[in-house]
């Protein structure tokens, strides 16, 4: 595998729950992937 190869689905973990995202939501430009529920809860808490 080369250093610039795309990560496989098994390599992706949600930084919030440390699980494999079921419905991934990609944040651009950093391309981190989060579980949709995790990022929605984070966004809701971050607004206040």
Protein backbone atom coordinates (compact mmCIF):
# COMPACT_ATOMS: atom_id res chain seq x y z
CA UNK A 1 0.00 0.00 0.00
CA UNK A 2 1.37 3.39 -0.91
CA UNK A 3 1.38 6.32 1.47
CA UNK A 4 -1.18 8.20 -0.63
CA UNK A 5 -3.62 5.29 -0.98
CA UNK A 6 -7.18 5.86 0.17
CA UNK A 7 -8.09 4.33 3.53
CA UNK A 8 -10.32 1.31 3.32
CA UNK A 9 -13.65 1.26 5.12
CA UNK A 10 -12.11 -0.98 7.82
CA UNK A 11 -9.43 1.68 8.48
CA UNK A 12 -11.95 4.46 9.16
CA UNK A 13 -12.98 5.20 12.75
CA UNK A 14 -15.18 7.95 14.13
CA UNK A 15 -13.01 10.26 16.27
CA UNK A 16 -15.94 10.75 18.67
CA UNK A 17 -17.04 7.18 19.48
CA UNK A 18 -14.01 5.32 18.06
CA UNK A 19 -16.37 3.01 16.14
CA UNK A 20 -16.75 2.39 12.43
CA UNK A 21 -19.10 5.04 11.02
CA UNK A 22 -22.40 3.47 9.95
CA UNK A 23 -23.60 6.51 8.00
CA UNK A 24 -20.37 8.44 7.47
CA UNK A 25 -20.42 12.20 7.24
CA UNK A 26 -17.22 13.60 5.71
CA UNK A 27 -15.86 16.93 6.92
CA UNK A 28 -14.02 18.77 4.16
CA UNK A 29 -11.10 19.67 3.75
CA UNK A 30 -9.63 17.43 6.47
CA UNK A 31 -11.73 14.44 5.29
CA UNK A 32 -12.26 13.03 8.80
CA UNK A 33 -15.30 10.74 8.88
CA UNK A 34 -17.80 10.72 11.73
CA UNK A 35 -20.92 8.72 12.54
CA UNK A 36 -23.82 10.90 11.49
CA UNK A 37 -25.29 10.71 15.01
CA UNK A 38 -21.96 11.66 16.63
CA UNK A 39 -21.37 14.71 14.45
CA UNK A 40 -24.99 15.85 14.86
CA UNK A 41 -24.74 15.61 18.68
CA UNK A 42 -21.38 17.43 18.60
CA UNK A 43 -22.76 20.21 16.38
CA UNK A 44 -25.83 20.63 18.59
CA UNK A 45 -23.67 20.95 21.73
CA UNK A 46 -21.20 23.29 20.00
CA UNK A 47 -23.87 25.84 19.12
CA UNK A 48 -24.35 26.82 22.77
